[in-house]
Protein backbone atom coordinates (compact mmCIF):
# COMPACT_ATOMS: atom_id res chain seq x y z
CA MET A 1 236.85 212.21 178.04
CA MET A 2 235.73 210.16 181.04
CA ARG A 3 236.63 206.47 180.79
CA ASP A 4 235.07 203.92 183.07
CA SER A 5 235.05 200.17 183.50
CA PHE A 6 231.99 198.28 182.32
CA GLU A 7 231.04 194.63 182.36
CA ILE A 8 228.52 192.19 180.99
CA VAL A 9 227.80 189.05 182.98
CA MET A 10 225.95 185.95 181.79
CA GLU A 11 225.14 183.41 184.49
CA ALA A 12 224.35 179.70 184.54
CA ILE A 13 225.19 178.85 180.94
CA PRO A 14 224.85 175.09 180.36
CA TRP A 15 228.43 173.82 179.91
CA ASP A 16 227.69 172.17 176.55
CA HIS A 17 226.89 175.65 175.13
CA MET A 18 230.11 177.26 176.33
CA SER A 19 232.07 176.64 173.12
CA THR A 20 229.24 178.30 171.12
CA MET A 21 229.42 181.28 173.46
CA LEU A 22 233.20 181.69 173.24
CA GLU A 23 233.26 181.15 169.46
CA SER A 24 230.58 183.79 168.92
CA ILE A 25 232.64 186.31 170.89
CA GLY A 26 235.95 185.26 169.33
CA CYS A 27 234.71 185.61 165.74
CA MET A 28 233.92 189.29 166.44
CA ALA A 29 237.50 190.02 167.49
CA GLU A 30 240.67 190.87 165.61
CA SER A 31 242.69 188.50 167.79
CA VAL A 32 242.89 186.58 171.04
CA SER A 33 246.09 187.60 172.78
CA ARG A 34 246.07 185.10 175.64
CA THR A 35 244.10 182.25 177.12
CA GLU A 36 245.04 180.92 180.54
CA VAL A 37 243.74 178.97 183.51
CA HIS A 38 245.15 179.90 186.92
CA GLY A 39 247.95 181.86 185.20
CA ASP A 40 249.06 178.99 182.93
CA PRO A 41 248.64 179.21 179.14
CA VAL A 42 246.07 176.75 177.83
CA ALA A 43 244.49 175.82 174.49
CA ILE A 44 240.80 176.69 174.64
CA GLY A 45 239.75 173.36 173.14
CA ASP A 46 241.74 171.43 175.75
CA TRP A 47 240.11 173.43 178.52
CA LEU A 48 236.60 172.95 177.15
CA VAL A 49 236.97 169.13 177.00
CA GLY A 50 239.47 168.80 179.85
CA ASN A 51 239.33 166.68 182.96
CA PHE A 52 238.50 169.00 185.83
CA ASP A 53 239.20 166.53 188.62
CA GLU A 54 242.75 167.90 188.65
CA VAL A 55 241.53 171.46 189.24
CA PRO A 56 240.48 172.27 192.81
CA CYS A 57 236.74 173.16 193.07
CA SER A 58 235.86 175.60 190.30
CA SER A 59 238.03 176.48 187.36
CA CYS A 60 238.51 179.96 185.88
CA LEU A 61 239.57 180.60 182.30
CA VAL A 62 240.85 184.07 181.41
CA GLN A 63 240.94 185.24 177.82
CA GLU A 64 242.06 188.60 176.47
CA ILE A 65 240.40 189.64 173.22
CA ASN A 66 241.72 192.46 171.03
CA GLY A 67 239.59 194.59 168.72
CA PHE A 68 236.09 193.33 169.58
CA ARG A 69 233.55 194.78 167.13
CA LEU A 70 229.77 194.76 167.04
CA GLY A 71 228.52 196.44 163.88
CA SER A 72 230.20 199.71 162.94
CA ALA A 73 229.30 201.53 166.16
CA VAL A 74 230.90 199.33 168.84
CA HIS A 75 234.66 198.86 169.03
CA ILE A 76 236.25 197.63 172.25
CA PRO A 77 240.07 197.62 171.98
CA THR A 78 240.59 195.14 174.84
CA LEU A 79 237.93 192.81 176.22
CA LEU A 80 238.81 190.67 179.22
CA ILE A 81 236.76 187.48 179.48
CA ARG A 82 236.58 185.37 182.61
CA VAL A 83 234.74 182.05 182.54
CA PHE A 84 233.91 180.31 185.81
CA ARG A 85 232.87 176.67 185.71
CA PHE A 86 230.90 174.89 188.43
CA ASP A 87 228.38 172.03 188.58
CA GLY A 88 228.03 171.59 184.81
CA LEU A 89 227.33 175.30 184.34
CA ALA A 90 229.45 178.32 183.55
CA SER A 91 229.26 182.04 184.13
CA ILE A 92 231.04 184.49 181.87
CA ASP A 93 232.18 187.97 182.79
CA LEU A 94 233.24 190.39 180.03
CA SER A 95 235.07 193.50 181.26
CA PHE A 96 236.13 196.53 179.23
CA ASP A 97 236.95 200.22 179.51
CA MET A 98 235.00 202.75 177.48
CA ASP A 99 234.33 206.48 177.30
CA TRP A 100 230.92 207.44 178.66
CA SER A 101 230.16 209.13 175.34
CA ASN A 102 230.48 205.73 173.61
CA ALA A 103 228.74 203.71 176.33
CA GLY A 104 225.37 205.31 175.55
CA VAL A 105 225.54 203.84 172.04
CA ALA A 106 227.44 200.65 172.82
CA MET A 107 225.48 199.31 175.78
CA PRO A 108 222.09 199.11 174.02
CA MET A 109 223.74 197.26 171.11
CA LEU A 110 225.62 194.93 173.45
CA HIS A 111 222.35 194.41 175.36
CA ARG A 112 220.58 193.23 172.19
CA HIS A 113 223.50 191.03 171.18
CA PHE A 114 223.90 189.32 174.55
CA LEU A 115 220.14 188.81 174.92
CA LYS A 116 220.33 186.78 171.67
CA LEU A 117 223.28 184.81 173.07
CA LYS A 118 221.34 184.20 176.29
CA LEU A 119 218.52 182.61 174.27
CA LEU A 120 220.98 180.68 172.09
CA THR A 121 222.91 179.23 175.04
CA GLY A 122 220.09 178.77 177.55
CA ALA A 123 221.79 180.97 180.15
CA ARG A 124 219.70 181.86 183.20
CA THR A 125 220.38 185.61 183.18
CA VAL A 126 222.45 188.34 181.54
CA TYR A 127 223.13 191.82 182.82
CA GLY A 128 225.44 194.70 182.03
CA GLY A 129 226.56 197.93 183.61
CA MET A 130 229.42 199.76 185.22
CA GLU A 131 231.75 197.54 187.22
CA PRO A 132 230.67 195.98 189.48
CA ALA A 133 227.52 195.18 187.49
CA GLN A 134 226.32 193.03 190.40
CA ASP A 135 225.26 196.39 191.88
CA LEU A 136 221.70 196.94 190.64
CA ASN A 137 222.20 200.72 190.72
CA THR A 138 224.98 200.65 188.10
CA ARG A 139 223.16 198.48 185.56
CA PHE A 140 222.23 199.38 182.03
CA PHE A 141 220.15 196.21 181.73
CA THR A 142 219.10 192.94 183.33
CA ASP A 143 217.76 190.38 180.85
CA ASP A 144 215.14 192.26 178.79
CA GLU A 145 214.60 194.93 181.46
CA CYS A 146 216.21 198.35 181.46
CA GLY A 147 218.39 199.29 184.43
CA PRO A 148 218.87 202.70 186.09
CA LEU A 149 221.59 203.69 183.57
CA GLY A 150 219.95 202.18 180.50
CA ILE A 151 217.68 203.06 177.64
CA SER A 152 215.26 200.31 176.72
CA VAL A 153 215.96 198.67 173.37
CA ALA A 154 214.82 195.09 173.82
């Protein structure tokens, strides 16, 4: 089977909604194997309320999630989360590997789920596709629109 790298990106999430965002992802996982900032282990709560004057310019949190599930159809063994903080906002990037045969089922479900989270958190935009999903040609979706690789479900 062909495996590829996929990602979902949510941009400009108001910082005060970031804990909601991370909790909603974390509660769908079997475990969180590591949480770090600039390579150093950190407690997520400390990072969320921390003093960022000590961190040069923007700060990036990396979290590795094991066994992410969405319903019975979507299972992602390892989900890498990167959160970038700047100017009172955050962007979150979720990266994972998946067989193409599963992506056709998973991406529409992930699209629906992350559209709900976009509304819940007040994020500016959400999109998903093959890495790098910044490339419009590799997208399954952008907000409620279908991308070149997607099937509309919204």
